[in-house]
Amino acid sequence: MNNTLKVLLAIATFAGASAAQAVSIPTSGVADVSKTDYSASGGGEFHVEVTGYDSFYTFCVQRYEPLSALLDGTFSYTIAGSTSAGTHVKTAPNNVLSEGTVYLYRKFVAGALYNLADAVARKSNSISLQKAIWELEGEGAGLGQSSANNAFLATVYGLFGEAGAKADATDKTVKVLQLWDSQNNDLQDVLVYVPDSGATLALLGVALVGTAFIRRRLV
């Protein structure tokens, strides 16, 4: 098999895996949100389930908004491209997710950020990841998180630079799940990795067409 064919097959494999890791849920509805054995410090990991659709693990975006004390609970939700306004004076309102947050959450969903089978390490890692997300989203004041003491921040600062990691993400497949109570009070925003509106499937199609073309040339 020549190198070009190998590259195209690798692209096709990655595209299929990427699509499989995303969750498919309606853009609004009702979700059951619960704590997990790895929830700590007022943040995730949390478990979200939309009845009849996919379930997933997630983290808070807004550090100061209430949620943890209300769990386990059932809430209305809306998927959006930015955070809600929030109710706490320290909340960064209408915030677009950062490049670093999107990168880290996609790696987490793929099981490639840390070992999800190691319960002890998973809890400490989930705490560090939650603090990294708050730092990247401009809500980390007082937590003292930096590349020196947070491996996840070190990773994204190394890839994008600190300013680049905190800049608005260009990848829009990770979105915000805004949570509301029965009185329509803004409770919290959490992360969700959703299908990418056909971009991954288009990439997969290009790869497969290219593979078929090369195979014809080789025979």
C-alpha atoms as a PDB file:
ATOM      1  CA  MET A   1       0.000   0.000   0.000  1.00  0.00           C
ATOM      2  CA  ASN A   2       1.558   3.364  -0.991  1.00  0.00           C
ATOM      3  CA  ASN A   3       1.849   6.350   1.368  1.00  0.00           C
ATOM      4  CA  THR A   4      -0.962   8.373  -0.204  1.00  0.00           C
ATOM      5  CA  LEU A   5      -3.418   5.546   0.254  1.00  0.00           C
ATOM      6  CA  LYS A   6      -2.320   5.121   3.861  1.00  0.00           C
ATOM      7  CA  VAL A   7      -2.931   8.822   4.545  1.00  0.00           C
ATOM      8  CA  LEU A   8      -6.401   8.726   3.015  1.00  0.00           C
ATOM      9  CA  LEU A   9      -7.365   5.629   4.972  1.00  0.00           C
ATOM     10  CA  ALA A  10      -6.113   7.260   8.158  1.00  0.00           C
ATOM     11  CA  ILE A  11      -8.251  10.332   7.430  1.00  0.00           C
ATOM     12  CA  ALA A  12     -11.300   8.154   6.853  1.00  0.00           C
ATOM     13  CA  THR A  13     -10.699   6.266  10.102  1.00  0.00           C
ATOM     14  CA  PHE A  14     -10.234   9.497  12.087  1.00  0.00           C
ATOM     15  CA  ALA A  15     -13.344  11.067  10.598  1.00  0.00           C
ATOM     16  CA  GLY A  16     -15.475   8.054  11.488  1.00  0.00           C
ATOM     17  CA  ALA A  17     -14.098   7.912  15.033  1.00  0.00           C
ATOM     18  CA  SER A  18     -14.614  11.665  15.509  1.00  0.00           C
ATOM     19  CA  ALA A  19     -18.248  11.448  14.457  1.00  0.00           C
ATOM     20  CA  ALA A  20     -18.832   8.489  16.785  1.00  0.00           C
ATOM     21  CA  GLN A  21     -17.566  10.426  19.804  1.00  0.00           C
ATOM     22  CA  ALA A  22     -20.058  13.268  19.361  1.00  0.00           C
ATOM     23  CA  VAL A  23     -23.469  13.076  21.031  1.00  0.00           C
ATOM     24  CA  SER A  24     -26.740  13.376  19.163  1.00  0.00           C
ATOM     25  CA  ILE A  25     -29.436  15.159  21.173  1.00  0.00           C
ATOM     26  CA  PRO A  26     -32.094  17.775  20.313  1.00  0.00           C
ATOM     27  CA  THR A  27     -31.001  21.421  20.465  1.00  0.00           C
ATOM     28  CA  SER A  28     -33.393  21.967  23.372  1.00  0.00           C
ATOM     29  CA  GLY A  29     -35.295  19.748  25.764  1.00  0.00           C
ATOM     30  CA  VAL A  30     -35.024  18.215  29.211  1.00  0.00           C
ATOM     31  CA  ALA A  31     -31.902  16.619  30.686  1.00  0.00           C
ATOM     32  CA  ASP A  32     -31.179  14.624  33.837  1.00  0.00           C
ATOM     33  CA  VAL A  33     -27.929  15.827  35.392  1.00  0.00           C
ATOM     34  CA  SER A  34     -26.187  13.960  38.192  1.00  0.00           C
ATOM     35  CA  LYS A  35     -22.966  13.995  40.159  1.00  0.00           C
ATOM     36  CA  THR A  36     -20.465  11.210  39.642  1.00  0.00           C
ATOM     37  CA  ASP A  37     -17.763   9.665  41.795  1.00  0.00           C
ATOM     38  CA  TYR A  38     -15.412  12.160  40.131  1.00  0.00           C
ATOM     39  CA  SER A  39     -17.355  15.350  40.916  1.00  0.00           C
ATOM     40  CA  ALA A  40     -15.530  17.708  43.294  1.00  0.00           C
ATOM     41  CA  SER A  41     -14.852  21.348  44.091  1.00  0.00           C
ATOM     42  CA  GLY A  42     -18.333  22.328  42.913  1.00  0.00           C
ATOM     43  CA  GLY A  43     -17.628  21.095  39.388  1.00  0.00           C
ATOM     44  CA  GLY A  44     -17.510  18.054  37.112  1.00  0.00           C
ATOM     45  CA  GLU A  45     -17.345  15.417  36.022  1.00  0.00           C
ATOM     46  CA  PHE A  46     -21.130  15.448  35.803  1.00  0.00           C
ATOM     47  CA  HIS A  47     -23.294  12.940  33.927  1.00  0.00           C
ATOM     48  CA  VAL A  48     -25.976  14.230  31.546  1.00  0.00           C
ATOM     49  CA  GLU A  49     -28.711  12.056  30.073  1.00  0.00           C
ATOM     50  CA  VAL A  50     -31.448  13.084  27.644  1.00  0.00           C
ATOM     51  CA  THR A  51     -34.068  10.333  27.667  1.00  0.00           C
ATOM     52  CA  GLY A  52     -34.217   8.511  24.358  1.00  0.00           C
ATOM     53  CA  TYR A  53     -30.923  10.004  23.177  1.00  0.00           C
ATOM     54  CA  ASP A  54     -27.233   9.926  24.070  1.00  0.00           C
ATOM     55  CA  SER A  55     -25.716  10.461  27.518  1.00  0.00           C
ATOM     56  CA  PHE A  56     -22.314  11.972  28.250  1.00  0.00           C
ATOM     57  CA  TYR A  57     -19.941  13.320  30.888  1.00  0.00           C
ATOM     58  CA  THR A  58     -19.338  17.030  31.166  1.00  0.00           C
ATOM     59  CA  PHE A  59     -17.846  19.946  33.113  1.00  0.00           C
ATOM     60  CA  CYS A  60     -19.083  23.357  34.257  1.00  0.00           C
ATOM     61  CA  VAL A  61     -18.197  26.456  32.277  1.00  0.00           C
ATOM     62  CA  GLN A  62     -19.421  29.029  34.796  1.00  0.00           C
ATOM     63  CA  ARG A  63     -17.666  28.723  38.129  1.00  0.00           C
ATOM     64  CA  TYR A  64     -20.027  30.811  40.257  1.00  0.00           C
ATOM     65  CA  GLU A  65     -23.463  29.695  39.067  1.00  0.00           C
ATOM     66  CA  PRO A  66     -25.414  27.180  41.211  1.00  0.00           C
ATOM     67  CA  LEU A  67     -25.687  23.572  40.073  1.00  0.00           C
ATOM     68  CA  SER A  68     -23.799  21.114  42.252  1.00  0.00           C
ATOM     69  CA  ALA A  69     -26.081  21.731  45.251  1.00  0.00           C
ATOM     70  CA  LEU A  70     -29.137  20.984  43.102  1.00  0.00           C
ATOM     71  CA  LEU A  71     -27.974  17.569  41.878  1.00  0.00           C
ATOM     72  CA  ASP A  72     -29.225  15.052  41.069  1.00  0.00           C
ATOM     73  CA  GLY A  73     -31.850  16.968  39.136  1.00  0.00           C
ATOM     74  CA  THR A  74     -33.856  17.425  35.953  1.00  0.00           C
ATOM     75  CA  PHE A  75     -33.504  20.665  34.015  1.00  0.00           C
ATOM     76  CA  SER A  76     -34.534  22.318  30.782  1.00  0.00           C
ATOM     77  CA  TYR A  77     -31.643  22.929  28.414  1.00  0.00           C
ATOM     78  CA  THR A  78     -30.700  24.783  25.261  1.00  0.00           C
ATOM     79  CA  ILE A  79     -27.588  24.156  23.159  1.00  0.00           C
ATOM     80  CA  ALA A  80     -25.895  27.428  22.246  1.00  0.00           C
ATOM     81  CA  GLY A  81     -22.697  28.783  20.774  1.00  0.00           C
ATOM     82  CA  SER A  82     -21.893  30.845  23.869  1.00  0.00           C
ATOM     83  CA  THR A  83     -22.683  30.902  27.572  1.00  0.00           C
ATOM     84  CA  SER A  84     -25.801  32.418  29.083  1.00  0.00           C
ATOM     85  CA  ALA A  85     -25.702  35.763  30.865  1.00  0.00           C
ATOM     86  CA  GLY A  86     -25.555  34.125  34.292  1.00  0.00           C
ATOM     87  CA  THR A  87     -26.779  35.615  37.536  1.00  0.00           C
ATOM     88  CA  HIS A  88     -23.599  35.943  39.617  1.00  0.00           C
ATOM     89  CA  VAL A  89     -21.672  39.205  39.458  1.00  0.00           C
ATOM     90  CA  LYS A  90     -18.404  37.324  38.804  1.00  0.00           C
ATOM     91  CA  THR A  91     -19.760  35.274  35.906  1.00  0.00           C
ATOM     92  CA  ALA A  92     -18.368  36.084  32.444  1.00  0.00           C
ATOM     93  CA  PRO A  93     -21.628  36.504  30.456  1.00  0.00           C
ATOM     94  CA  ASN A  94     -22.291  35.480  26.849  1.00  0.00           C
ATOM     95  CA  ASN A  95     -18.832  33.961  26.611  1.00  0.00           C
ATOM     96  CA  VAL A  96     -17.626  32.055  23.520  1.00  0.00           C
ATOM     97  CA  LEU A  97     -15.698  28.922  24.489  1.00  0.00           C
ATOM     98  CA  SER A  98     -11.925  29.158  24.320  1.00  0.00           C
ATOM     99  CA  GLU A  99      -9.589  27.242  22.015  1.00  0.00           C
ATOM    100  CA  GLY A 100      -8.049  25.492  25.018  1.00  0.00           C
ATOM    101  CA  THR A 101     -11.370  24.408  26.518  1.00  0.00           C
ATOM    102  CA  VAL A 102     -12.568  22.959  23.204  1.00  0.00           C
ATOM    103  CA  TYR A 103      -9.297  21.084  22.670  1.00  0.00           C
ATOM    104  CA  LEU A 104      -9.260  19.601  26.176  1.00  0.00           C
ATOM    105  CA  TYR A 105     -12.915  18.566  26.159  1.00  0.00           C
ATOM    106  CA  ARG A 106     -12.650  16.865  22.792  1.00  0.00           C
ATOM    107  CA  LYS A 107      -9.634  14.914  24.049  1.00  0.00           C
ATOM    108  CA  PHE A 108     -11.583  14.012  27.218  1.00  0.00           C
ATOM    109  CA  VAL A 109     -14.585  12.766  25.229  1.00  0.00           C
ATOM    110  CA  ALA A 110     -12.264  10.666  23.083  1.00  0.00           C
ATOM    111  CA  GLY A 111     -10.761   9.092  26.219  1.00  0.00           C
ATOM    112  CA  ALA A 112      -7.367  10.452  25.189  1.00  0.00           C
ATOM    113  CA  LEU A 113      -6.853  13.101  27.876  1.00  0.00           C
ATOM    114  CA  TYR A 114      -6.443  10.829  30.914  1.00  0.00           C
ATOM    115  CA  ASN A 115      -7.130   7.242  31.929  1.00  0.00           C
ATOM    116  CA  LEU A 116     -10.866   6.972  32.618  1.00  0.00           C
ATOM    117  CA  ALA A 117     -10.455   3.430  33.961  1.00  0.00           C
ATOM    118  CA  ASP A 118      -8.238   4.535  36.870  1.00  0.00           C
ATOM    119  CA  ALA A 119     -10.786   5.712  39.458  1.00  0.00           C
ATOM    120  CA  VAL A 120      -8.266   7.297  41.829  1.00  0.00           C
ATOM    121  CA  ALA A 121      -6.371   9.208  39.165  1.00  0.00           C
ATOM    122  CA  ARG A 122      -9.603  10.068  37.355  1.00  0.00           C
ATOM    123  CA  LYS A 123     -10.912  12.067  40.301  1.00  0.00           C
ATOM    124  CA  SER A 124      -7.751  14.133  40.704  1.00  0.00           C
ATOM    125  CA  ASN A 125      -7.585  14.650  36.944  1.00  0.00           C
ATOM    126  CA  SER A 126     -11.221  15.719  36.760  1.00  0.00           C
ATOM    127  CA  ILE A 127     -10.574  18.352  39.431  1.00  0.00           C
ATOM    128  CA  SER A 128      -7.553  19.664  37.520  1.00  0.00           C
ATOM    129  CA  LEU A 129      -9.473  19.677  34.244  1.00  0.00           C
ATOM    130  CA  GLN A 130     -12.396  21.546  35.784  1.00  0.00           C
ATOM    131  CA  LYS A 131     -10.033  24.184  37.194  1.00  0.00           C
ATOM    132  CA  ALA A 132      -8.268  24.459  33.841  1.00  0.00           C
ATOM    133  CA  ILE A 133     -11.606  25.089  32.099  1.00  0.00           C
ATOM    134  CA  TRP A 134     -12.506  27.823  34.576  1.00  0.00           C
ATOM    135  CA  GLU A 135      -9.105  29.436  34.050  1.00  0.00           C
ATOM    136  CA  LEU A 136      -9.448  29.271  30.263  1.00  0.00           C
ATOM    137  CA  GLU A 137     -12.956  30.743  30.437  1.00  0.00           C
ATOM    138  CA  GLY A 138     -11.855  33.733  32.530  1.00  0.00           C
ATOM    139  CA  GLU A 139     -13.334  32.509  35.828  1.00  0.00           C
ATOM    140  CA  GLY A 140     -10.235  31.123  37.524  1.00  0.00           C
ATOM    141  CA  ALA A 141      -9.439  34.070  39.793  1.00  0.00           C
ATOM    142  CA  GLY A 142      -8.140  32.883  43.158  1.00  0.00           C
ATOM    143  CA  LEU A 143      -7.576  29.286  42.085  1.00  0.00           C
ATOM    144  CA  GLY A 144      -3.916  29.922  41.308  1.00  0.00           C
ATOM    145  CA  GLN A 145      -3.907  27.690  38.222  1.00  0.00           C
ATOM    146  CA  SER A 146      -1.008  27.969  35.795  1.00  0.00           C
ATOM    147  CA  SER A 147       1.068  25.840  33.446  1.00  0.00           C
ATOM    148  CA  ALA A 148       3.374  25.179  36.393  1.00  0.00           C
ATOM    149  CA  ASN A 149       0.763  23.387  38.511  1.00  0.00           C
ATOM    150  CA  ASN A 150      -1.895  22.283  36.014  1.00  0.00           C
ATOM    151  CA  ALA A 151      -0.847  19.783  33.355  1.00  0.00           C
ATOM    152  CA  PHE A 152      -3.873  20.538  31.181  1.00  0.00           C
ATOM    153  CA  LEU A 153      -3.051  24.233  31.060  1.00  0.00           C
ATOM    154  CA  ALA A 154       0.561  23.325  30.287  1.00  0.00           C
ATOM    155  CA  THR A 155      -0.664  21.247  27.335  1.00  0.00           C
ATOM    156  CA  VAL A 156      -2.809  23.931  25.708  1.00  0.00           C
ATOM    157  CA  TYR A 157      -0.389  26.765  26.473  1.00  0.00           C
ATOM    158  CA  GLY A 158       2.297  24.679  24.806  1.00  0.00           C
ATOM    159  CA  LEU A 159       0.119  24.145  21.737  1.00  0.00           C
ATOM    160  CA  PHE A 160      -1.494  27.560  21.340  1.00  0.00           C
ATOM    161  CA  GLY A 161       0.365  29.911  23.703  1.00  0.00           C
ATOM    162  CA  GLU A 162      -1.536  31.275  26.717  1.00  0.00           C
ATOM    163  CA  ALA A 163      -3.274  34.033  24.759  1.00  0.00           C
ATOM    164  CA  GLY A 164      -4.149  31.642  21.942  1.00  0.00           C
ATOM    165  CA  ALA A 165      -5.510  29.014  24.355  1.00  0.00           C
ATOM    166  CA  LYS A 166      -7.806  31.649  25.888  1.00  0.00           C
ATOM    167  CA  ALA A 167      -8.917  33.085  22.528  1.00  0.00           C
ATOM    168  CA  ASP A 168     -12.312  32.223  21.013  1.00  0.00           C
ATOM    169  CA  ALA A 169     -12.309  28.729  19.524  1.00  0.00           C
ATOM    170  CA  THR A 170     -12.513  28.224  15.784  1.00  0.00           C
ATOM    171  CA  ASP A 171     -13.744  24.627  16.267  1.00  0.00           C
ATOM    172  CA  LYS A 172     -17.513  24.859  16.813  1.00  0.00           C
ATOM    173  CA  THR A 173     -18.211  21.173  17.517  1.00  0.00           C
ATOM    174  CA  VAL A 174     -18.005  21.762  21.277  1.00  0.00           C
ATOM    175  CA  LYS A 175     -20.907  23.887  22.422  1.00  0.00           C
ATOM    176  CA  VAL A 176     -22.598  25.072  25.587  1.00  0.00           C
ATOM    177  CA  LEU A 177     -25.529  23.257  27.172  1.00  0.00           C
ATOM    178  CA  GLN A 178     -27.369  26.020  29.042  1.00  0.00           C
ATOM    179  CA  LEU A 179     -29.352  24.632  31.985  1.00  0.00           C
ATOM    180  CA  TRP A 180     -32.535  26.207  33.374  1.00  0.00           C
ATOM    181  CA  ASP A 181     -34.889  25.326  36.229  1.00  0.00           C
ATOM    182  CA  SER A 182     -38.703  25.083  36.041  1.00  0.00           C
ATOM    183  CA  GLN A 183     -39.003  28.836  36.698  1.00  0.00           C
ATOM    184  CA  ASN A 184     -36.600  29.536  33.801  1.00  0.00           C
ATOM    185  CA  ASN A 185     -33.829  30.594  36.162  1.00  0.00           C
ATOM    186  CA  ASP A 186     -30.334  30.396  34.685  1.00  0.00           C
ATOM    187  CA  LEU A 187     -28.480  27.668  36.614  1.00  0.00           C
ATOM    188  CA  GLN A 188     -25.268  26.759  34.806  1.00  0.00           C
ATOM    189  CA  ASP A 189     -23.642  26.080  31.464  1.00  0.00           C
ATOM    190  CA  VAL A 190     -21.864  22.789  30.748  1.00  0.00           C
ATOM    191  CA  LEU A 191     -19.946  21.430  27.770  1.00  0.00           C
ATOM    192  CA  VAL A 192     -21.336  19.191  25.028  1.00  0.00           C
ATOM    193  CA  TYR A 193     -19.622  17.773  21.931  1.00  0.00           C
ATOM    194  CA  VAL A 194     -22.158  17.688  19.109  1.00  0.00           C
ATOM    195  CA  PRO A 195     -22.043  16.561  15.479  1.00  0.00           C
ATOM    196  CA  ASP A 196     -20.294  19.034  13.205  1.00  0.00           C
ATOM    197  CA  SER A 197     -23.104  19.733  10.715  1.00  0.00           C
ATOM    198  CA  GLY A 198     -21.765  17.375   8.091  1.00  0.00           C
ATOM    199  CA  ALA A 199     -18.158  18.589   8.004  1.00  0.00           C
ATOM    200  CA  THR A 200     -16.797  15.294   9.312  1.00  0.00           C
ATOM    201  CA  LEU A 201     -18.975  13.309   6.923  1.00  0.00           C
ATOM    202  CA  ALA A 202     -17.823  15.496   4.036  1.00  0.00           C
ATOM    203  CA  LEU A 203     -14.217  14.840   4.985  1.00  0.00           C
ATOM    204  CA  LEU A 204     -14.971  11.135   5.189  1.00  0.00           C
ATOM    205  CA  GLY A 205     -16.558  11.244   1.745  1.00  0.00           C
ATOM    206  CA  VAL A 206     -13.554  12.986   0.232  1.00  0.00           C
ATOM    207  CA  ALA A 207     -11.233  10.421   1.785  1.00  0.00           C
ATOM    208  CA  LEU A 208     -13.259   7.492   0.505  1.00  0.00           C
ATOM    209  CA  VAL A 209     -13.543   8.941  -3.005  1.00  0.00           C
ATOM    210  CA  GLY A 210      -9.804   9.515  -3.018  1.00  0.00           C
ATOM    211  CA  THR A 211      -9.207   5.960  -1.810  1.00  0.00           C
ATOM    212  CA  ALA A 212     -11.391   4.527  -4.584  1.00  0.00           C
ATOM    213  CA  PHE A 213      -9.589   6.644  -7.180  1.00  0.00           C
ATOM    214  CA  ILE A 214      -6.150   5.493  -6.025  1.00  0.00           C
ATOM    215  CA  ARG A 215      -7.228   1.870  -5.961  1.00  0.00           C
ATOM    216  CA  ARG A 216      -8.384   2.148  -9.580  1.00  0.00           C
ATOM    217  CA  ARG A 217      -5.029   3.637 -10.516  1.00  0.00           C
ATOM    218  CA  LEU A 218      -3.188   0.803  -8.760  1.00  0.00           C
ATOM    219  CA  VAL A 219      -5.009  -2.061 -10.504  1.00  0.00           C
END
